[in-house]
Amino acid sequence: MAAVSDRLIILLIAATGLLVLFVGWELALVEAIEVNLSGWLEAVLFFVAFAVFAVLVFGVWAALKRIDGE
């Protein structure tokens, strides 16, 4: 995993999977509530899902960087 391209491919795969998971979770949550949510609440839910996604992608990136260092 010394090549940068290997790390980027793994990060891309992990990021895509996590994005699908969290966007699907957020949309299922909105559908499960089944009330007329105001636009700001849906925006907050999207922001929370994106924030969790960003933290997880950063964690994967940091783990891969640590592995490369060893």
PDB file of N, CA and C in Angstrom:
ATOM      1  N   MET A   1       0.823  -1.195   0.000  1.00  0.00           N
ATOM      2  CA  MET A   1       0.000   0.000   0.000  1.00  0.00           C
ATOM      3  C   MET A   1       0.863   1.252   0.000  1.00  0.00           C
ATOM      4  N   ALA A   2       2.045   1.151  -0.563  1.00  0.00           N
ATOM      5  CA  ALA A   2       2.914   2.313  -0.594  1.00  0.00           C
ATOM      6  C   ALA A   2       2.497   3.285  -1.690  1.00  0.00           C
ATOM      7  N   ALA A   3       1.831   2.794  -2.698  1.00  0.00           N
ATOM      8  CA  ALA A   3       1.434   3.663  -3.800  1.00  0.00           C
ATOM      9  C   ALA A   3       0.238   4.511  -3.399  1.00  0.00           C
ATOM     10  N   VAL A   4       0.306   5.754  -3.785  1.00  0.00           N
ATOM     11  CA  VAL A   4      -0.789   6.675  -3.470  1.00  0.00           C
ATOM     12  C   VAL A   4      -2.071   6.246  -4.163  1.00  0.00           C
ATOM     13  N   SER A   5      -1.956   5.681  -5.345  1.00  0.00           N
ATOM     14  CA  SER A   5      -3.157   5.278  -6.083  1.00  0.00           C
ATOM     15  C   SER A   5      -3.915   4.169  -5.359  1.00  0.00           C
ATOM     16  N   ASP A   6      -3.201   3.250  -4.705  1.00  0.00           N
ATOM     17  CA  ASP A   6      -3.882   2.200  -3.937  1.00  0.00           C
ATOM     18  C   ASP A   6      -4.704   2.801  -2.812  1.00  0.00           C
ATOM     19  N   ARG A   7      -4.106   3.747  -2.110  1.00  0.00           N
ATOM     20  CA  ARG A   7      -4.804   4.389  -0.994  1.00  0.00           C
ATOM     21  C   ARG A   7      -6.023   5.159  -1.487  1.00  0.00           C
ATOM     22  N   LEU A   8      -5.897   5.846  -2.605  1.00  0.00           N
ATOM     23  CA  LEU A   8      -7.022   6.618  -3.139  1.00  0.00           C
ATOM     24  C   LEU A   8      -8.159   5.712  -3.602  1.00  0.00           C
ATOM     25  N   ILE A   9      -7.833   4.579  -4.187  1.00  0.00           N
ATOM     26  CA  ILE A   9      -8.878   3.654  -4.627  1.00  0.00           C
ATOM     27  C   ILE A   9      -9.628   3.084  -3.434  1.00  0.00           C
ATOM     28  N   ILE A  10      -8.898   2.684  -2.396  1.00  0.00           N
ATOM     29  CA  ILE A  10      -9.554   2.158  -1.194  1.00  0.00           C
ATOM     30  C   ILE A  10     -10.410   3.231  -0.546  1.00  0.00           C
ATOM     31  N   LEU A  11      -9.899   4.457  -0.477  1.00  0.00           N
ATOM     32  CA  LEU A  11     -10.663   5.558   0.105  1.00  0.00           C
ATOM     33  C   LEU A  11     -11.907   5.858  -0.720  1.00  0.00           C
ATOM     34  N   LEU A  12     -11.806   5.796  -2.027  1.00  0.00           N
ATOM     35  CA  LEU A  12     -12.960   6.031  -2.893  1.00  0.00           C
ATOM     36  C   LEU A  12     -14.030   4.958  -2.689  1.00  0.00           C
ATOM     37  N   ILE A  13     -13.616   3.716  -2.596  1.00  0.00           N
ATOM     38  CA  ILE A  13     -14.575   2.633  -2.364  1.00  0.00           C
ATOM     39  C   ILE A  13     -15.243   2.782  -1.007  1.00  0.00           C
ATOM     40  N   ALA A  14     -14.452   3.065   0.021  1.00  0.00           N
ATOM     41  CA  ALA A  14     -15.012   3.234   1.367  1.00  0.00           C
ATOM     42  C   ALA A  14     -15.944   4.437   1.418  1.00  0.00           C
ATOM     43  N   ALA A  15     -15.555   5.534   0.796  1.00  0.00           N
ATOM     44  CA  ALA A  15     -16.378   6.743   0.812  1.00  0.00           C
ATOM     45  C   ALA A  15     -17.697   6.524   0.084  1.00  0.00           C
ATOM     46  N   THR A  16     -17.661   5.829  -1.042  1.00  0.00           N
ATOM     47  CA  THR A  16     -18.890   5.569  -1.787  1.00  0.00           C
ATOM     48  C   THR A  16     -19.847   4.698  -0.982  1.00  0.00           C
ATOM     49  N   GLY A  17     -19.329   3.658  -0.377  1.00  0.00           N
ATOM     50  CA  GLY A  17     -20.173   2.790   0.444  1.00  0.00           C
ATOM     51  C   GLY A  17     -20.775   3.523   1.627  1.00  0.00           C
ATOM     52  N   LEU A  18     -19.971   4.327   2.301  1.00  0.00           N
ATOM     53  CA  LEU A  18     -20.477   5.078   3.450  1.00  0.00           C
ATOM     54  C   LEU A  18     -21.502   6.124   3.035  1.00  0.00           C
ATOM     55  N   LEU A  19     -21.265   6.771   1.901  1.00  0.00           N
ATOM     56  CA  LEU A  19     -22.211   7.779   1.431  1.00  0.00           C
ATOM     57  C   LEU A  19     -23.561   7.143   1.120  1.00  0.00           C
ATOM     58  N   VAL A  20     -23.552   6.017   0.444  1.00  0.00           N
ATOM     59  CA  VAL A  20     -24.809   5.321   0.142  1.00  0.00           C
ATOM     60  C   VAL A  20     -25.512   4.910   1.428  1.00  0.00           C
ATOM     61  N   LEU A  21     -24.755   4.399   2.383  1.00  0.00           N
ATOM     62  CA  LEU A  21     -25.323   3.967   3.654  1.00  0.00           C
ATOM     63  C   LEU A  21     -25.975   5.126   4.401  1.00  0.00           C
ATOM     64  N   PHE A  22     -25.276   6.239   4.535  1.00  0.00           N
ATOM     65  CA  PHE A  22     -25.800   7.336   5.340  1.00  0.00           C
ATOM     66  C   PHE A  22     -26.903   8.126   4.648  1.00  0.00           C
ATOM     67  N   VAL A  23     -26.820   8.290   3.342  1.00  0.00           N
ATOM     68  CA  VAL A  23     -27.915   8.973   2.646  1.00  0.00           C
ATOM     69  C   VAL A  23     -29.164   8.102   2.679  1.00  0.00           C
ATOM     70  N   GLY A  24     -29.002   6.798   2.492  1.00  0.00           N
ATOM     71  CA  GLY A  24     -30.148   5.896   2.603  1.00  0.00           C
ATOM     72  C   GLY A  24     -30.740   5.906   3.998  1.00  0.00           C
ATOM     73  N   TRP A  25     -29.883   5.939   5.008  1.00  0.00           N
ATOM     74  CA  TRP A  25     -30.360   5.993   6.397  1.00  0.00           C
ATOM     75  C   TRP A  25     -31.137   7.281   6.649  1.00  0.00           C
ATOM     76  N   GLU A  26     -30.612   8.386   6.177  1.00  0.00           N
ATOM     77  CA  GLU A  26     -31.273   9.673   6.406  1.00  0.00           C
ATOM     78  C   GLU A  26     -32.617   9.725   5.699  1.00  0.00           C
ATOM     79  N   LEU A  27     -32.684   9.249   4.474  1.00  0.00           N
ATOM     80  CA  LEU A  27     -33.951   9.261   3.745  1.00  0.00           C
ATOM     81  C   LEU A  27     -34.957   8.308   4.373  1.00  0.00           C
ATOM     82  N   ALA A  28     -34.490   7.167   4.869  1.00  0.00           N
ATOM     83  CA  ALA A  28     -35.389   6.239   5.557  1.00  0.00           C
ATOM     84  C   ALA A  28     -35.908   6.849   6.848  1.00  0.00           C
ATOM     85  N   LEU A  29     -35.073   7.605   7.538  1.00  0.00           N
ATOM     86  CA  LEU A  29     -35.498   8.269   8.769  1.00  0.00           C
ATOM     87  C   LEU A  29     -36.575   9.304   8.481  1.00  0.00           C
ATOM     88  N   VAL A  30     -36.386  10.085   7.433  1.00  0.00           N
ATOM     89  CA  VAL A  30     -37.388  11.085   7.057  1.00  0.00           C
ATOM     90  C   VAL A  30     -38.689  10.398   6.673  1.00  0.00           C
ATOM     91  N   GLU A  31     -38.603   9.295   5.946  1.00  0.00           N
ATOM     92  CA  GLU A  31     -39.806   8.567   5.533  1.00  0.00           C
ATOM     93  C   GLU A  31     -40.496   7.920   6.729  1.00  0.00           C
ATOM     94  N   ALA A  32     -39.718   7.438   7.696  1.00  0.00           N
ATOM     95  CA  ALA A  32     -40.291   6.769   8.861  1.00  0.00           C
ATOM     96  C   ALA A  32     -41.048   7.744   9.754  1.00  0.00           C
ATOM     97  N   ILE A  33     -40.597   8.979   9.794  1.00  0.00           N
ATOM     98  CA  ILE A  33     -41.276   9.968  10.629  1.00  0.00           C
ATOM     99  C   ILE A  33     -42.666  10.250  10.072  1.00  0.00           C
ATOM    100  N   GLU A  34     -42.784  10.278   8.749  1.00  0.00           N
ATOM    101  CA  GLU A  34     -44.047  10.439   8.029  1.00  0.00           C
ATOM    102  C   GLU A  34     -44.887  11.617   8.506  1.00  0.00           C
ATOM    103  N   VAL A  35     -44.247  12.685   8.768  1.00  0.00           N
ATOM    104  CA  VAL A  35     -44.951  13.933   9.041  1.00  0.00           C
ATOM    105  C   VAL A  35     -44.407  14.956   8.064  1.00  0.00           C
ATOM    106  N   ASN A  36     -45.126  16.010   7.918  1.00  0.00           N
ATOM    107  CA  ASN A  36     -44.658  17.062   7.027  1.00  0.00           C
ATOM    108  C   ASN A  36     -43.538  17.829   7.717  1.00  0.00           C
ATOM    109  N   LEU A  37     -42.327  17.415   7.420  1.00  0.00           N
ATOM    110  CA  LEU A  37     -41.182  18.074   8.021  1.00  0.00           C
ATOM    111  C   LEU A  37     -40.940  19.401   7.327  1.00  0.00           C
ATOM    112  N   SER A  38     -40.541  20.355   8.098  1.00  0.00           N
ATOM    113  CA  SER A  38     -40.178  21.625   7.480  1.00  0.00           C
ATOM    114  C   SER A  38     -38.827  21.447   6.793  1.00  0.00           C
ATOM    115  N   GLY A  39     -38.534  22.323   5.887  1.00  0.00           N
ATOM    116  CA  GLY A  39     -37.304  22.213   5.110  1.00  0.00           C
ATOM    117  C   GLY A  39     -36.053  22.272   5.956  1.00  0.00           C
ATOM    118  N   TRP A  40     -36.083  23.043   7.036  1.00  0.00           N
ATOM    119  CA  TRP A  40     -34.872  23.167   7.851  1.00  0.00           C
ATOM    120  C   TRP A  40     -34.555  21.874   8.583  1.00  0.00           C
ATOM    121  N   LEU A  41     -35.560  21.102   8.972  1.00  0.00           N
ATOM    122  CA  LEU A  41     -35.304  19.836   9.662  1.00  0.00           C
ATOM    123  C   LEU A  41     -34.679  18.811   8.717  1.00  0.00           C
ATOM    124  N   GLU A  42     -35.158  18.765   7.499  1.00  0.00           N
ATOM    125  CA  GLU A  42     -34.540  17.872   6.521  1.00  0.00           C
ATOM    126  C   GLU A  42     -33.111  18.303   6.233  1.00  0.00           C
ATOM    127  N   ALA A  43     -32.883  19.608   6.168  1.00  0.00           N
ATOM    128  CA  ALA A  43     -31.527  20.105   5.945  1.00  0.00           C
ATOM    129  C   ALA A  43     -30.608  19.726   7.105  1.00  0.00           C
ATOM    130  N   VAL A  44     -31.121  19.810   8.322  1.00  0.00           N
ATOM    131  CA  VAL A  44     -30.326  19.419   9.494  1.00  0.00           C
ATOM    132  C   VAL A  44     -29.990  17.932   9.429  1.00  0.00           C
ATOM    133  N   LEU A  45     -30.960  17.100   9.062  1.00  0.00           N
ATOM    134  CA  LEU A  45     -30.698  15.664   8.955  1.00  0.00           C
ATOM    135  C   LEU A  45     -29.659  15.365   7.876  1.00  0.00           C
ATOM    136  N   PHE A  46     -29.735  16.052   6.740  1.00  0.00           N
ATOM    137  CA  PHE A  46     -28.727  15.874   5.701  1.00  0.00           C
ATOM    138  C   PHE A  46     -27.358  16.316   6.197  1.00  0.00           C
ATOM    139  N   PHE A  47     -27.312  17.432   6.935  1.00  0.00           N
ATOM    140  CA  PHE A  47     -26.040  17.917   7.458  1.00  0.00           C
ATOM    141  C   PHE A  47     -25.440  16.920   8.445  1.00  0.00           C
ATOM    142  N   VAL A  48     -26.265  16.368   9.318  1.00  0.00           N
ATOM    143  CA  VAL A  48     -25.775  15.379  10.288  1.00  0.00           C
ATOM    144  C   VAL A  48     -25.240  14.148   9.558  1.00  0.00           C
ATOM    145  N   ALA A  49     -25.974  13.680   8.562  1.00  0.00           N
ATOM    146  CA  ALA A  49     -25.517  12.518   7.792  1.00  0.00           C
ATOM    147  C   ALA A  49     -24.202  12.830   7.088  1.00  0.00           C
ATOM    148  N   PHE A  50     -24.074  14.023   6.518  1.00  0.00           N
ATOM    149  CA  PHE A  50     -22.835  14.408   5.840  1.00  0.00           C
ATOM    150  C   PHE A  50     -21.688  14.550   6.828  1.00  0.00           C
ATOM    151  N   ALA A  51     -21.954  15.104   8.013  1.00  0.00           N
ATOM    152  CA  ALA A  51     -20.903  15.272   9.018  1.00  0.00           C
ATOM    153  C   ALA A  51     -20.370  13.915   9.479  1.00  0.00           C
ATOM    154  N   VAL A  52     -21.266  12.965   9.714  1.00  0.00           N
ATOM    155  CA  VAL A  52     -20.830  11.618  10.110  1.00  0.00           C
ATOM    156  C   VAL A  52     -20.027  10.983   8.978  1.00  0.00           C
ATOM    157  N   PHE A  53     -20.488  11.158   7.750  1.00  0.00           N
ATOM    158  CA  PHE A  53     -19.775  10.643   6.587  1.00  0.00           C
ATOM    159  C   PHE A  53     -18.372  11.238   6.497  1.00  0.00           C
ATOM    160  N   ALA A  54     -18.255  12.545   6.681  1.00  0.00           N
ATOM    161  CA  ALA A  54     -16.955  13.202   6.589  1.00  0.00           C
ATOM    162  C   ALA A  54     -16.008  12.707   7.680  1.00  0.00           C
ATOM    163  N   VAL A  55     -16.516  12.532   8.883  1.00  0.00           N
ATOM    164  CA  VAL A  55     -15.679  12.038   9.983  1.00  0.00           C
ATOM    165  C   VAL A  55     -15.198  10.616   9.695  1.00  0.00           C
ATOM    166  N   LEU A  56     -16.074   9.771   9.184  1.00  0.00           N
ATOM    167  CA  LEU A  56     -15.681   8.396   8.880  1.00  0.00           C
ATOM    168  C   LEU A  56     -14.673   8.324   7.737  1.00  0.00           C
ATOM    169  N   VAL A  57     -14.851   9.145   6.720  1.00  0.00           N
ATOM    170  CA  VAL A  57     -13.891   9.161   5.614  1.00  0.00           C
ATOM    171  C   VAL A  57     -12.535   9.647   6.112  1.00  0.00           C
ATOM    172  N   PHE A  58     -12.539  10.664   6.964  1.00  0.00           N
ATOM    173  CA  PHE A  58     -11.277  11.137   7.532  1.00  0.00           C
ATOM    174  C   PHE A  58     -10.623  10.041   8.373  1.00  0.00           C
ATOM    175  N   GLY A  59     -11.417   9.285   9.108  1.00  0.00           N
ATOM    176  CA  GLY A  59     -10.877   8.182   9.897  1.00  0.00           C
ATOM    177  C   GLY A  59     -10.238   7.112   9.032  1.00  0.00           C
ATOM    178  N   VAL A  60     -10.888   6.774   7.925  1.00  0.00           N
ATOM    179  CA  VAL A  60     -10.318   5.789   6.998  1.00  0.00           C
ATOM    180  C   VAL A  60      -9.022   6.326   6.413  1.00  0.00           C
ATOM    181  N   TRP A  61      -9.016   7.594   6.029  1.00  0.00           N
ATOM    182  CA  TRP A  61      -7.809   8.208   5.474  1.00  0.00           C
ATOM    183  C   TRP A  61      -6.675   8.204   6.491  1.00  0.00           C
ATOM    184  N   ALA A  62      -6.964   8.556   7.744  1.00  0.00           N
ATOM    185  CA  ALA A  62      -5.939   8.580   8.784  1.00  0.00           C
ATOM    186  C   ALA A  62      -5.397   7.175   9.054  1.00  0.00           C
ATOM    187  N   ALA A  63      -6.283   6.177   9.044  1.00  0.00           N
ATOM    188  CA  ALA A  63      -5.834   4.800   9.260  1.00  0.00           C
ATOM    189  C   ALA A  63      -4.925   4.341   8.126  1.00  0.00           C
ATOM    190  N   LEU A  64      -5.284   4.670   6.893  1.00  0.00           N
ATOM    191  CA  LEU A  64      -4.442   4.289   5.765  1.00  0.00           C
ATOM    192  C   LEU A  64      -3.101   5.011   5.812  1.00  0.00           C
ATOM    193  N   LYS A  65      -3.097   6.258   6.241  1.00  0.00           N
ATOM    194  CA  LYS A  65      -1.847   7.013   6.345  1.00  0.00           C
ATOM    195  C   LYS A  65      -0.952   6.396   7.418  1.00  0.00           C
ATOM    196  N   ARG A  66      -1.553   5.966   8.535  1.00  0.00           N
ATOM    197  CA  ARG A  66      -0.783   5.339   9.606  1.00  0.00           C
ATOM    198  C   ARG A  66      -0.186   4.011   9.132  1.00  0.00           C
ATOM    199  N   ILE A  67      -0.961   3.242   8.368  1.00  0.00           N
ATOM    200  CA  ILE A  67      -0.458   1.971   7.847  1.00  0.00           C
ATOM    201  C   ILE A  67       0.716   2.212   6.906  1.00  0.00           C
ATOM    202  N   ASP A  68       0.628   3.256   6.076  1.00  0.00           N
ATOM    203  CA  ASP A  68       1.728   3.571   5.168  1.00  0.00           C
ATOM    204  C   ASP A  68       2.983   3.963   5.940  1.00  0.00           C
ATOM    205  N   GLY A  69       2.797   4.611   7.086  1.00  0.00           N
ATOM    206  CA  GLY A  69       3.943   5.028   7.889  1.00  0.00           C
ATOM    207  C   GLY A  69       4.680   3.865   8.521  1.00  0.00           C
ATOM    208  N   GLU A  70       3.977   2.775   8.748  1.00  0.00           N
ATOM    209  CA  GLU A  70       4.603   1.605   9.382  1.00  0.00           C
ATOM    210  C   GLU A  70       5.284   0.796   8.367  1.00  0.00           C
TER     211      GLU A  70
END
